[in-house]
Amino acid sequence: WQANVGSLAIGTAGAGLYAGANTAAPDRNWTLSSNGAVLLGNANIVAPGNVNINLVNPPVSGSSLSSAANATLQAGGNLQVIGQGVLDLSGKWQAAGNLQIGLPAAPAAIAPTTTALQINNQGLLQATGNLAIGSQTARVDLSNGGTVLAGTLQIDAGKLQNSGRLQAPDGVLLSADQFTNLADGVVLGTGNGQGMRVQANQINNAGNMQSAGGMTLQTAG
């Protein structure tokens, strides 16, 4: 299933978008490229292969990508969201492989006062393998009030604020200019012998940070 659209809007009543019902099909992926806002509402998107969402041009205002509380996106392979603007995520975003959310290789020019990619998560982001948000060369801003679960978790952010749960058994690496773990925030490294590393210019922790292995906090502030 592949579509190139100007924009996409699905209401709260939801809609089912499925790929790969034919097990003999050579391509069982689900790919969406949009030049405008993608408002998924309570959509149910399922693919036995990969799920790819490419947000080509961010809207001037509002969300580039949003999903409601009953939305479900499930990938039997990897799940990737590449774009700019504001992502307002709720519902369940799940990958049996890896999950990546980040900026494109060549971001479009935006106003200097605008964050290239702001992610607001109130749902579930889950990957059996690696879950990566941002990268060392293209950091994003993340406000997490939901749950982020992965085999290994890596977040590279300008501003990282957590009032939800960040958890992985095979390693947690958080790198940010400013990291704030609020009172309700939980950061867990649950694997024996697997460490947690937090690197930030400024660390403000009022919540719970716990590692079954080692924990390293490094700050330049």
N, C-alpha and C. Protein backbone atom coordinates (compact mmCIF):
# COMPACT_ATOMS: atom_id res chain seq x y z
N TRP A 1 0.86 -1.18 0.00
CA TRP A 1 0.00 0.00 0.00
C TRP A 1 0.89 1.21 0.00
N GLN A 2 0.68 2.11 -0.97
CA GLN A 2 1.50 3.31 -1.08
C GLN A 2 0.65 4.45 -1.60
N ALA A 3 0.81 5.63 -0.95
CA ALA A 3 0.03 6.78 -1.38
C ALA A 3 0.87 8.05 -1.24
N ASN A 4 0.69 8.97 -2.20
CA ASN A 4 1.26 10.30 -2.14
C ASN A 4 0.10 11.29 -2.14
N VAL A 5 -0.02 12.07 -1.07
CA VAL A 5 -1.19 12.92 -0.91
C VAL A 5 -0.78 14.34 -0.57
N GLY A 6 -1.73 15.28 -0.82
CA GLY A 6 -1.52 16.65 -0.39
C GLY A 6 -1.72 16.78 1.10
N SER A 7 -2.72 16.08 1.63
CA SER A 7 -2.99 16.00 3.06
C SER A 7 -3.92 14.82 3.27
N LEU A 8 -4.06 14.43 4.53
CA LEU A 8 -4.91 13.30 4.87
C LEU A 8 -5.58 13.55 6.20
N ALA A 9 -6.90 13.37 6.26
CA ALA A 9 -7.64 13.56 7.51
C ALA A 9 -8.60 12.39 7.71
N ILE A 10 -8.50 11.75 8.85
CA ILE A 10 -9.40 10.66 9.23
C ILE A 10 -10.06 11.06 10.54
N GLY A 11 -11.36 10.98 10.63
CA GLY A 11 -12.09 11.45 11.79
C GLY A 11 -11.98 10.52 12.99
N THR A 12 -12.66 10.91 14.06
CA THR A 12 -12.64 10.13 15.29
C THR A 12 -13.35 8.80 15.16
N ALA A 13 -14.21 8.66 14.12
CA ALA A 13 -14.86 7.37 13.89
C ALA A 13 -13.86 6.32 13.42
N GLY A 14 -12.71 6.78 12.91
CA GLY A 14 -11.64 5.87 12.52
C GLY A 14 -11.85 5.27 11.15
N ALA A 15 -10.81 4.62 10.65
CA ALA A 15 -10.84 3.92 9.38
C ALA A 15 -9.75 2.87 9.40
N GLY A 16 -9.96 1.78 8.67
CA GLY A 16 -8.96 0.74 8.60
C GLY A 16 -8.17 0.85 7.31
N LEU A 17 -6.85 0.86 7.43
CA LEU A 17 -5.95 0.91 6.28
C LEU A 17 -4.96 -0.24 6.43
N TYR A 18 -5.10 -1.25 5.58
CA TYR A 18 -4.33 -2.47 5.75
C TYR A 18 -3.47 -2.73 4.51
N ALA A 19 -2.32 -3.35 4.74
CA ALA A 19 -1.45 -3.77 3.65
C ALA A 19 -1.08 -5.22 3.84
N GLY A 20 -0.83 -5.91 2.71
CA GLY A 20 -0.26 -7.25 2.79
C GLY A 20 -1.21 -8.36 3.13
N ALA A 21 -2.49 -8.23 2.81
CA ALA A 21 -3.43 -9.32 3.09
C ALA A 21 -3.06 -10.58 2.29
N ASN A 22 -2.47 -10.37 1.12
CA ASN A 22 -1.99 -11.49 0.31
C ASN A 22 -0.58 -11.86 0.76
N THR A 23 -0.45 -13.00 1.40
CA THR A 23 0.85 -13.40 1.95
C THR A 23 1.89 -13.67 0.87
N ALA A 24 1.45 -13.82 -0.37
CA ALA A 24 2.39 -14.06 -1.47
C ALA A 24 2.83 -12.77 -2.15
N ALA A 25 2.27 -11.64 -1.73
CA ALA A 25 2.61 -10.36 -2.35
C ALA A 25 4.07 -10.01 -2.06
N PRO A 26 4.80 -9.48 -3.08
CA PRO A 26 6.22 -9.14 -2.86
C PRO A 26 6.42 -7.93 -1.96
N ASP A 27 5.43 -7.04 -1.92
CA ASP A 27 5.53 -5.83 -1.11
C ASP A 27 4.36 -5.79 -0.14
N ARG A 28 4.64 -5.93 1.14
CA ARG A 28 3.59 -5.92 2.15
C ARG A 28 3.81 -4.77 3.13
N ASN A 29 4.37 -3.68 2.60
CA ASN A 29 4.63 -2.50 3.39
C ASN A 29 3.48 -1.49 3.25
N TRP A 30 3.48 -0.50 4.14
CA TRP A 30 2.48 0.58 4.12
C TRP A 30 3.26 1.89 4.13
N THR A 31 3.12 2.69 3.06
CA THR A 31 3.91 3.91 2.91
C THR A 31 3.01 5.08 2.57
N LEU A 32 3.19 6.18 3.29
CA LEU A 32 2.43 7.40 3.05
C LEU A 32 3.40 8.57 2.96
N SER A 33 3.33 9.34 1.88
CA SER A 33 4.07 10.58 1.73
C SER A 33 3.07 11.71 1.57
N SER A 34 3.22 12.76 2.38
CA SER A 34 2.25 13.84 2.38
C SER A 34 2.93 15.19 2.28
N ASN A 35 2.34 16.08 1.46
CA ASN A 35 2.81 17.45 1.35
C ASN A 35 2.07 18.38 2.32
N GLY A 36 1.18 17.84 3.11
CA GLY A 36 0.43 18.63 4.07
C GLY A 36 0.24 17.87 5.36
N ALA A 37 -0.71 18.32 6.15
CA ALA A 37 -0.95 17.71 7.46
C ALA A 37 -1.54 16.30 7.30
N VAL A 38 -1.14 15.41 8.21
CA VAL A 38 -1.69 14.06 8.28
C VAL A 38 -2.38 13.92 9.63
N LEU A 39 -3.71 13.92 9.59
CA LEU A 39 -4.52 13.84 10.80
C LEU A 39 -5.17 12.46 10.81
N LEU A 40 -4.60 11.54 11.58
CA LEU A 40 -5.01 10.15 11.51
C LEU A 40 -6.24 9.82 12.35
N GLY A 41 -6.63 10.71 13.25
CA GLY A 41 -7.80 10.42 14.08
C GLY A 41 -7.63 9.09 14.79
N ASN A 42 -8.66 8.24 14.71
CA ASN A 42 -8.62 6.92 15.33
C ASN A 42 -8.39 5.82 14.28
N ALA A 43 -7.52 6.10 13.34
CA ALA A 43 -7.24 5.14 12.27
C ALA A 43 -6.62 3.86 12.82
N ASN A 44 -6.87 2.77 12.11
CA ASN A 44 -6.25 1.48 12.41
C ASN A 44 -5.40 1.09 11.19
N ILE A 45 -4.08 1.21 11.33
CA ILE A 45 -3.16 0.97 10.23
C ILE A 45 -2.30 -0.25 10.57
N VAL A 46 -2.33 -1.25 9.72
CA VAL A 46 -1.63 -2.51 9.99
C VAL A 46 -0.90 -2.96 8.74
N ALA A 47 0.35 -3.37 8.89
CA ALA A 47 1.11 -3.95 7.78
C ALA A 47 2.03 -5.03 8.34
N PRO A 48 2.10 -6.19 7.67
CA PRO A 48 3.04 -7.22 8.12
C PRO A 48 4.49 -6.85 7.81
N GLY A 49 4.69 -5.89 6.91
CA GLY A 49 6.03 -5.39 6.62
C GLY A 49 6.31 -4.11 7.38
N ASN A 50 6.85 -3.13 6.69
CA ASN A 50 7.21 -1.86 7.32
C ASN A 50 6.09 -0.83 7.16
N VAL A 51 6.02 0.10 8.09
CA VAL A 51 5.14 1.27 8.00
C VAL A 51 6.03 2.51 7.92
N ASN A 52 5.87 3.29 6.84
CA ASN A 52 6.68 4.48 6.63
C ASN A 52 5.77 5.68 6.40
N ILE A 53 5.99 6.75 7.17
CA ILE A 53 5.26 8.00 7.00
C ILE A 53 6.28 9.10 6.75
N ASN A 54 6.15 9.75 5.59
CA ASN A 54 7.06 10.83 5.22
C ASN A 54 6.28 12.13 5.12
N LEU A 55 6.64 13.09 5.96
CA LEU A 55 5.98 14.39 5.98
C LEU A 55 6.88 15.37 5.23
N VAL A 56 6.52 15.64 3.99
CA VAL A 56 7.42 16.36 3.09
C VAL A 56 7.51 17.83 3.45
N ASN A 57 6.37 18.49 3.65
CA ASN A 57 6.35 19.92 3.96
C ASN A 57 5.49 20.16 5.19
N PRO A 58 6.05 20.73 6.26
CA PRO A 58 5.25 20.98 7.46
C PRO A 58 4.27 22.12 7.23
N PRO A 59 3.06 22.04 7.79
CA PRO A 59 2.12 23.16 7.67
C PRO A 59 2.62 24.37 8.46
N VAL A 60 2.13 25.53 8.09
CA VAL A 60 2.55 26.76 8.76
C VAL A 60 2.15 26.75 10.23
N SER A 61 0.99 26.17 10.54
CA SER A 61 0.53 26.09 11.92
C SER A 61 -0.19 24.76 12.13
N GLY A 62 -0.36 24.38 13.37
CA GLY A 62 -1.03 23.13 13.68
C GLY A 62 -0.10 21.93 13.54
N SER A 63 -0.67 20.76 13.63
CA SER A 63 0.10 19.52 13.61
C SER A 63 0.49 19.11 12.20
N SER A 64 1.72 18.64 12.06
CA SER A 64 2.11 17.96 10.82
C SER A 64 1.52 16.56 10.80
N LEU A 65 1.48 15.94 11.99
CA LEU A 65 0.97 14.59 12.15
C LEU A 65 0.30 14.48 13.50
N SER A 66 -0.91 13.92 13.53
CA SER A 66 -1.59 13.72 14.81
C SER A 66 -2.35 12.41 14.77
N SER A 67 -2.56 11.84 15.96
CA SER A 67 -3.37 10.62 16.10
C SER A 67 -4.14 10.72 17.40
N ALA A 68 -5.33 10.11 17.43
CA ALA A 68 -6.20 10.17 18.60
C ALA A 68 -5.97 8.97 19.51
N ALA A 69 -6.66 8.97 20.64
CA ALA A 69 -6.40 7.99 21.70
C ALA A 69 -6.64 6.55 21.28
N ASN A 70 -7.54 6.31 20.34
CA ASN A 70 -7.85 4.95 19.91
C ASN A 70 -7.18 4.57 18.59
N ALA A 71 -6.25 5.37 18.15
CA ALA A 71 -5.52 5.05 16.93
C ALA A 71 -4.56 3.88 17.19
N THR A 72 -4.34 3.07 16.14
CA THR A 72 -3.40 1.96 16.21
C THR A 72 -2.59 1.91 14.92
N LEU A 73 -1.28 1.90 15.07
CA LEU A 73 -0.38 1.70 13.94
C LEU A 73 0.55 0.55 14.29
N GLN A 74 0.46 -0.53 13.54
CA GLN A 74 1.22 -1.73 13.84
C GLN A 74 2.03 -2.15 12.61
N ALA A 75 3.32 -2.33 12.82
CA ALA A 75 4.21 -2.78 11.75
C ALA A 75 4.82 -4.12 12.15
N GLY A 76 4.70 -5.10 11.26
CA GLY A 76 5.36 -6.38 11.51
C GLY A 76 6.86 -6.28 11.33
N GLY A 77 7.31 -5.22 10.64
CA GLY A 77 8.73 -4.94 10.50
C GLY A 77 9.09 -3.68 11.26
N ASN A 78 9.59 -2.67 10.53
CA ASN A 78 9.99 -1.41 11.15
C ASN A 78 8.93 -0.35 10.95
N LEU A 79 8.92 0.63 11.84
CA LEU A 79 8.01 1.76 11.74
C LEU A 79 8.85 3.03 11.74
N GLN A 80 8.66 3.86 10.73
CA GLN A 80 9.48 5.06 10.58
C GLN A 80 8.60 6.27 10.28
N VAL A 81 8.84 7.36 11.01
CA VAL A 81 8.19 8.64 10.75
C VAL A 81 9.29 9.68 10.54
N ILE A 82 9.32 10.26 9.35
CA ILE A 82 10.33 11.26 9.02
C ILE A 82 9.61 12.54 8.62
N GLY A 83 9.96 13.67 9.26
CA GLY A 83 9.30 14.91 8.90
C GLY A 83 9.73 16.07 9.75
N GLN A 84 9.00 17.17 9.61
CA GLN A 84 9.23 18.39 10.36
C GLN A 84 7.91 18.91 10.91
N GLY A 85 8.00 19.92 11.77
CA GLY A 85 6.80 20.50 12.33
C GLY A 85 6.48 19.93 13.69
N VAL A 86 5.20 19.71 13.96
CA VAL A 86 4.72 19.25 15.26
C VAL A 86 4.02 17.91 15.09
N LEU A 87 4.43 16.93 15.89
CA LEU A 87 3.78 15.62 15.92
C LEU A 87 3.04 15.50 17.25
N ASP A 88 1.72 15.34 17.20
CA ASP A 88 0.90 15.15 18.39
C ASP A 88 0.40 13.70 18.36
N LEU A 89 1.04 12.85 19.15
CA LEU A 89 0.82 11.41 19.04
C LEU A 89 0.07 10.87 20.26
N SER A 90 -1.00 10.14 19.98
CA SER A 90 -1.73 9.37 20.98
C SER A 90 -2.02 8.01 20.37
N GLY A 91 -2.64 7.13 21.13
CA GLY A 91 -2.91 5.79 20.63
C GLY A 91 -1.67 4.91 20.74
N LYS A 92 -1.63 3.88 19.89
CA LYS A 92 -0.55 2.90 19.95
C LYS A 92 0.24 2.90 18.64
N TRP A 93 1.54 3.10 18.76
CA TRP A 93 2.48 3.04 17.64
C TRP A 93 3.46 1.92 17.96
N GLN A 94 3.34 0.80 17.25
CA GLN A 94 4.07 -0.40 17.63
C GLN A 94 4.79 -1.02 16.44
N ALA A 95 6.02 -1.46 16.67
CA ALA A 95 6.82 -2.10 15.64
C ALA A 95 7.43 -3.38 16.20
N ALA A 96 7.30 -4.47 15.44
CA ALA A 96 7.95 -5.72 15.83
C ALA A 96 9.46 -5.64 15.61
N GLY A 97 9.89 -4.69 14.76
CA GLY A 97 11.30 -4.44 14.55
C GLY A 97 11.74 -3.19 15.26
N ASN A 98 12.23 -2.21 14.49
CA ASN A 98 12.70 -0.95 15.04
C ASN A 98 11.69 0.17 14.79
N LEU A 99 11.77 1.20 15.61
CA LEU A 99 10.92 2.38 15.44
C LEU A 99 11.80 3.61 15.43
N GLN A 100 11.63 4.46 14.42
CA GLN A 100 12.43 5.67 14.30
C GLN A 100 11.53 6.86 14.02
N ILE A 101 11.78 7.95 14.75
CA ILE A 101 11.11 9.23 14.49
C ILE A 101 12.20 10.29 14.40
N GLY A 102 12.23 11.01 13.29
CA GLY A 102 13.29 11.99 13.15
C GLY A 102 13.10 12.92 11.98
N LEU A 103 14.13 13.72 11.75
CA LEU A 103 14.14 14.70 10.68
C LEU A 103 14.61 14.08 9.38
N PRO A 104 14.21 14.66 8.24
CA PRO A 104 14.73 14.18 6.97
C PRO A 104 16.20 14.52 6.82
N ALA A 105 16.87 13.87 5.87
CA ALA A 105 18.30 14.10 5.66
C ALA A 105 18.58 15.54 5.25
N ALA A 106 17.64 16.15 4.51
CA ALA A 106 17.81 17.53 4.08
C ALA A 106 16.56 18.32 4.47
N PRO A 107 16.48 18.79 5.73
CA PRO A 107 15.28 19.50 6.19
C PRO A 107 15.01 20.76 5.37
N ALA A 108 13.72 21.05 5.17
CA ALA A 108 13.33 22.27 4.49
C ALA A 108 13.64 23.47 5.38
N ALA A 109 13.84 24.61 4.75
CA ALA A 109 14.12 25.83 5.50
C ALA A 109 12.89 26.25 6.30
N ILE A 110 13.09 26.58 7.58
CA ILE A 110 12.00 27.05 8.43
C ILE A 110 12.46 28.29 9.19
N ALA A 111 11.52 28.97 9.83
CA ALA A 111 11.86 30.16 10.59
C ALA A 111 12.84 29.81 11.71
N PRO A 112 13.83 30.65 11.98
CA PRO A 112 14.85 30.31 12.98
C PRO A 112 14.30 30.14 14.39
N THR A 113 13.11 30.70 14.66
CA THR A 113 12.52 30.57 15.99
C THR A 113 11.66 29.31 16.11
N THR A 114 11.53 28.54 15.03
CA THR A 114 10.67 27.37 15.01
C THR A 114 11.50 26.10 15.18
N THR A 115 11.06 25.22 16.08
CA THR A 115 11.73 23.93 16.24
C THR A 115 11.49 23.09 15.00
N ALA A 116 12.56 22.49 14.49
CA ALA A 116 12.43 21.70 13.27
C ALA A 116 11.46 20.55 13.45
N LEU A 117 11.50 19.89 14.62
CA LEU A 117 10.57 18.79 14.89
C LEU A 117 10.26 18.76 16.39
N GLN A 118 9.00 19.00 16.73
CA GLN A 118 8.51 18.94 18.11
C GLN A 118 7.58 17.74 18.22
N ILE A 119 7.90 16.82 19.12
CA ILE A 119 7.11 15.60 19.30
C ILE A 119 6.43 15.66 20.66
N ASN A 120 5.11 15.56 20.66
CA ASN A 120 4.32 15.51 21.89
C ASN A 120 3.65 14.14 21.95
N ASN A 121 4.12 13.29 22.84
CA ASN A 121 3.59 11.94 22.92
C ASN A 121 2.75 11.74 24.17
N GLN A 122 1.49 11.34 23.95
CA GLN A 122 0.61 10.97 25.04
C GLN A 122 0.15 9.51 24.91
N GLY A 123 0.73 8.80 23.98
CA GLY A 123 0.30 7.42 23.72
C GLY A 123 1.39 6.42 24.06
N LEU A 124 1.40 5.33 23.29
CA LEU A 124 2.38 4.26 23.45
C LEU A 124 3.25 4.19 22.21
N LEU A 125 4.54 4.36 22.40
CA LEU A 125 5.53 4.12 21.36
C LEU A 125 6.30 2.87 21.77
N GLN A 126 6.26 1.83 20.94
CA GLN A 126 6.83 0.55 21.37
C GLN A 126 7.54 -0.14 20.21
N ALA A 127 8.75 -0.62 20.48
CA ALA A 127 9.52 -1.37 19.49
C ALA A 127 10.18 -2.56 20.18
N THR A 128 10.14 -3.70 19.52
CA THR A 128 10.84 -4.87 20.05
C THR A 128 12.35 -4.67 19.96
N GLY A 129 12.79 -4.00 18.90
CA GLY A 129 14.21 -3.73 18.71
C GLY A 129 14.60 -2.37 19.24
N ASN A 130 15.25 -1.58 18.39
CA ASN A 130 15.73 -0.26 18.79
C ASN A 130 14.66 0.80 18.52
N LEU A 131 14.50 1.71 19.45
CA LEU A 131 13.61 2.85 19.28
C LEU A 131 14.46 4.11 19.34
N ALA A 132 14.51 4.84 18.24
CA ALA A 132 15.36 6.03 18.15
C ALA A 132 14.50 7.25 17.84
N ILE A 133 14.66 8.28 18.63
CA ILE A 133 13.98 9.56 18.40
C ILE A 133 15.06 10.62 18.24
N GLY A 134 15.08 11.27 17.07
CA GLY A 134 16.14 12.21 16.77
C GLY A 134 17.43 11.48 16.45
N SER A 135 18.48 12.24 16.25
CA SER A 135 19.81 11.68 16.02
C SER A 135 20.85 12.67 16.51
N GLN A 136 22.09 12.24 16.58
CA GLN A 136 23.14 13.12 17.09
C GLN A 136 23.33 14.34 16.21
N THR A 137 23.07 14.22 14.93
CA THR A 137 23.25 15.34 14.02
C THR A 137 21.96 16.09 13.72
N ALA A 138 20.83 15.59 14.18
CA ALA A 138 19.54 16.24 13.92
C ALA A 138 18.63 16.03 15.12
N ARG A 139 18.87 16.81 16.15
CA ARG A 139 18.10 16.66 17.38
C ARG A 139 16.70 17.23 17.23
N VAL A 140 15.78 16.67 18.03
CA VAL A 140 14.39 17.12 18.03
C VAL A 140 14.03 17.54 19.44
N ASP A 141 12.83 18.07 19.62
CA ASP A 141 12.29 18.33 20.96
C ASP A 141 11.23 17.29 21.25
N LEU A 142 11.28 16.71 22.45
CA LEU A 142 10.33 15.68 22.83
C LEU A 142 9.71 15.98 24.18
N SER A 143 8.37 16.00 24.21
CA SER A 143 7.62 16.07 25.46
C SER A 143 6.84 14.78 25.59
N ASN A 144 7.22 13.94 26.55
CA ASN A 144 6.58 12.63 26.69
C ASN A 144 5.73 12.57 27.94
N GLY A 145 4.43 12.38 27.73
CA GLY A 145 3.52 12.14 28.84
C GLY A 145 2.92 10.76 28.74
N GLY A 146 3.38 9.99 27.76
CA GLY A 146 2.89 8.64 27.54
C GLY A 146 3.91 7.60 27.95
N THR A 147 3.97 6.51 27.18
CA THR A 147 4.87 5.40 27.48
C THR A 147 5.72 5.09 26.26
N VAL A 148 7.02 5.00 26.47
CA VAL A 148 7.97 4.64 25.42
C VAL A 148 8.69 3.38 25.86
N LEU A 149 8.47 2.28 25.15
CA LEU A 149 9.05 0.98 25.50
C LEU A 149 9.86 0.47 24.31
N ALA A 150 11.02 -0.10 24.57
CA ALA A 150 11.84 -0.61 23.48
C ALA A 150 12.83 -1.63 24.00
N GLY A 151 13.43 -2.38 23.06
CA GLY A 151 14.55 -3.23 23.43
C GLY A 151 15.72 -2.37 23.85
N THR A 152 16.10 -1.44 22.98
CA THR A 152 17.07 -0.40 23.31
C THR A 152 16.45 0.94 22.96
N LEU A 153 16.74 1.95 23.77
CA LEU A 153 16.12 3.27 23.60
C LEU A 153 17.20 4.32 23.47
N GLN A 154 17.11 5.11 22.40
CA GLN A 154 18.05 6.21 22.20
C GLN A 154 17.27 7.46 21.80
N ILE A 155 17.45 8.53 22.57
CA ILE A 155 16.79 9.80 22.29
C ILE A 155 17.85 10.88 22.22
N ASP A 156 17.86 11.62 21.12
CA ASP A 156 18.74 12.77 20.94
C ASP A 156 17.86 14.00 20.78
N ALA A 157 17.86 14.87 21.77
CA ALA A 157 16.91 15.98 21.79
C ALA A 157 17.58 17.29 22.15
N GLY A 158 16.95 18.37 21.71
CA GLY A 158 17.30 19.66 22.24
C GLY A 158 16.71 19.78 23.64
N LYS A 159 15.37 19.79 23.70
CA LYS A 159 14.66 19.78 24.97
C LYS A 159 13.95 18.43 25.11
N LEU A 160 14.20 17.76 26.21
CA LEU A 160 13.55 16.49 26.51
C LEU A 160 12.85 16.61 27.85
N GLN A 161 11.52 16.53 27.82
CA GLN A 161 10.73 16.59 29.06
C GLN A 161 9.91 15.32 29.19
N ASN A 162 10.00 14.69 30.36
CA ASN A 162 9.31 13.43 30.58
C ASN A 162 8.43 13.49 31.82
N SER A 163 7.15 13.22 31.61
CA SER A 163 6.22 13.05 32.74
C SER A 163 5.54 11.70 32.63
N GLY A 164 6.04 10.87 31.71
CA GLY A 164 5.49 9.53 31.50
C GLY A 164 6.53 8.47 31.84
N ARG A 165 6.68 7.48 30.96
CA ARG A 165 7.61 6.37 31.21
C ARG A 165 8.50 6.15 30.00
N LEU A 166 9.80 6.08 30.25
CA LEU A 166 10.80 5.71 29.26
C LEU A 166 11.46 4.45 29.78
N GLN A 167 11.38 3.35 29.01
CA GLN A 167 11.84 2.07 29.56
C GLN A 167 12.42 1.18 28.47
N ALA A 168 13.54 0.52 28.80
CA ALA A 168 14.16 -0.44 27.88
C ALA A 168 15.02 -1.41 28.68
N PRO A 169 15.04 -2.69 28.30
CA PRO A 169 15.87 -3.67 29.01
C PRO A 169 17.31 -3.74 28.53
N ASP A 170 17.57 -3.29 27.31
CA ASP A 170 18.89 -3.52 26.72
C ASP A 170 19.70 -2.25 26.53
N GLY A 171 19.38 -1.23 27.29
CA GLY A 171 20.15 0.00 27.25
C GLY A 171 19.29 1.22 27.00
N VAL A 172 19.55 2.27 27.79
CA VAL A 172 18.85 3.56 27.65
C VAL A 172 19.91 4.64 27.49
N LEU A 173 19.85 5.38 26.39
CA LEU A 173 20.76 6.49 26.15
C LEU A 173 19.95 7.74 25.84
N LEU A 174 20.03 8.70 26.73
CA LEU A 174 19.32 9.97 26.57
C LEU A 174 20.36 11.07 26.43
N SER A 175 20.29 11.82 25.35
CA SER A 175 21.21 12.92 25.11
C SER A 175 20.38 14.15 24.78
N ALA A 176 20.62 15.24 25.51
CA ALA A 176 19.79 16.43 25.32
C ALA A 176 20.55 17.67 25.76
N ASP A 177 20.13 18.81 25.22
CA ASP A 177 20.63 20.07 25.75
C ASP A 177 20.04 20.29 27.15
N GLN A 178 18.75 20.00 27.27
CA GLN A 178 18.06 20.16 28.56
C GLN A 178 17.14 18.97 28.79
N PHE A 179 17.36 18.25 29.88
CA PHE A 179 16.54 17.09 30.23
C PHE A 179 15.82 17.37 31.54
N THR A 180 14.48 17.28 31.50
CA THR A 180 13.66 17.49 32.69
C THR A 180 12.79 16.26 32.90
N ASN A 181 12.98 15.60 34.03
CA ASN A 181 12.14 14.46 34.41
C ASN A 181 11.23 14.92 35.54
N LEU A 182 9.96 15.13 35.21
CA LEU A 182 9.02 15.69 36.17
C LEU A 182 8.64 14.68 37.24
N ALA A 183 7.84 15.12 38.22
CA ALA A 183 7.52 14.29 39.38
C ALA A 183 6.90 12.95 39.02
N ASP A 184 6.09 12.93 37.96
CA ASP A 184 5.47 11.68 37.54
C ASP A 184 6.33 10.90 36.55
N GLY A 185 7.47 11.44 36.21
CA GLY A 185 8.32 10.82 35.20
C GLY A 185 9.08 9.60 35.72
N VAL A 186 9.15 8.56 34.89
CA VAL A 186 9.87 7.34 35.22
C VAL A 186 10.80 7.00 34.06
N VAL A 187 12.07 6.76 34.38
CA VAL A 187 13.05 6.31 33.39
C VAL A 187 13.66 5.02 33.93
N LEU A 188 13.48 3.92 33.21
CA LEU A 188 13.89 2.61 33.70
C LEU A 188 14.78 1.89 32.69
N GLY A 189 15.90 1.40 33.18
CA GLY A 189 16.72 0.44 32.44
C GLY A 189 16.58 -0.88 33.16
N THR A 190 15.86 -1.81 32.56
CA THR A 190 15.43 -3.01 33.31
C THR A 190 16.32 -4.22 33.09
N GLY A 191 17.28 -4.17 32.18
CA GLY A 191 18.10 -5.34 31.91
C GLY A 191 19.29 -5.45 32.83
N ASN A 192 19.52 -6.63 33.38
CA ASN A 192 20.67 -6.84 34.24
C ASN A 192 21.96 -6.66 33.43
N GLY A 193 22.83 -5.82 33.95
CA GLY A 193 24.10 -5.58 33.28
C GLY A 193 24.04 -4.56 32.17
N GLN A 194 22.84 -4.08 31.83
CA GLN A 194 22.69 -3.07 30.79
C GLN A 194 22.55 -1.70 31.43
N GLY A 195 23.30 -0.74 30.93
CA GLY A 195 23.38 0.54 31.59
C GLY A 195 22.43 1.59 31.08
N MET A 196 22.34 2.67 31.84
CA MET A 196 21.60 3.87 31.46
C MET A 196 22.58 5.03 31.45
N ARG A 197 22.55 5.80 30.37
CA ARG A 197 23.43 6.97 30.27
C ARG A 197 22.58 8.19 29.90
N VAL A 198 22.73 9.24 30.69
CA VAL A 198 22.04 10.50 30.42
C VAL A 198 23.09 11.58 30.28
N GLN A 199 23.14 12.21 29.11
CA GLN A 199 24.08 13.28 28.84
C GLN A 199 23.28 14.53 28.50
N ALA A 200 23.50 15.60 29.26
CA ALA A 200 22.76 16.83 29.02
C ALA A 200 23.53 18.02 29.57
N ASN A 201 23.33 19.16 28.96
CA ASN A 201 23.90 20.38 29.51
C ASN A 201 23.24 20.71 30.84
N GLN A 202 21.96 20.36 30.96
CA GLN A 202 21.23 20.63 32.19
C GLN A 202 20.30 19.46 32.49
N ILE A 203 20.36 18.92 33.70
CA ILE A 203 19.50 17.82 34.13
C ILE A 203 18.69 18.27 35.33
N ASN A 204 17.35 18.18 35.21
CA ASN A 204 16.45 18.48 36.32
C ASN A 204 15.60 17.24 36.56
N ASN A 205 15.80 16.60 37.70
CA ASN A 205 15.07 15.36 37.99
C ASN A 205 14.25 15.49 39.25
N ALA A 206 12.93 15.36 39.11
CA ALA A 206 12.03 15.33 40.26
C ALA A 206 11.27 14.01 40.31
N GLY A 207 11.61 13.10 39.37
CA GLY A 207 10.89 11.83 39.28
C GLY A 207 11.77 10.65 39.68
N ASN A 208 11.56 9.54 39.01
CA ASN A 208 12.25 8.29 39.34
C ASN A 208 13.10 7.85 38.17
N MET A 209 14.40 7.66 38.41
CA MET A 209 15.32 7.13 37.42
C MET A 209 16.01 5.92 38.04
N GLN A 210 15.91 4.78 37.36
CA GLN A 210 16.42 3.55 37.95
C GLN A 210 16.99 2.64 36.86
N SER A 211 18.12 2.02 37.17
CA SER A 211 18.75 1.11 36.23
C SER A 211 19.15 -0.17 36.93
N ALA A 212 18.85 -1.32 36.30
CA ALA A 212 19.28 -2.61 36.84
C ALA A 212 20.78 -2.79 36.68
N GLY A 213 21.36 -2.07 35.72
CA GLY A 213 22.80 -2.06 35.54
C GLY A 213 23.39 -0.77 36.03
N GLY A 214 24.42 -0.29 35.36
CA GLY A 214 25.02 0.97 35.76
C GLY A 214 24.22 2.16 35.30
N MET A 215 24.46 3.31 35.94
CA MET A 215 23.83 4.57 35.56
C MET A 215 24.89 5.64 35.51
N THR A 216 24.92 6.37 34.40
CA THR A 216 25.87 7.46 34.23
C THR A 216 25.10 8.73 33.91
N LEU A 217 25.30 9.77 34.72
CA LEU A 217 24.71 11.09 34.47
C LEU A 217 25.86 12.04 34.19
N GLN A 218 25.80 12.66 33.04
CA GLN A 218 26.88 13.56 32.64
C GLN A 218 26.30 14.90 32.24
N THR A 219 26.77 15.96 32.88
CA THR A 219 26.24 17.28 32.58
C THR A 219 27.38 18.28 32.42
N ALA A 220 27.16 19.22 31.51
CA ALA A 220 28.15 20.27 31.30
C ALA A 220 27.71 21.56 31.97
N GLY A 221 26.48 21.55 32.55
CA GLY A 221 25.95 22.75 33.17
C GLY A 221 26.31 22.87 34.63
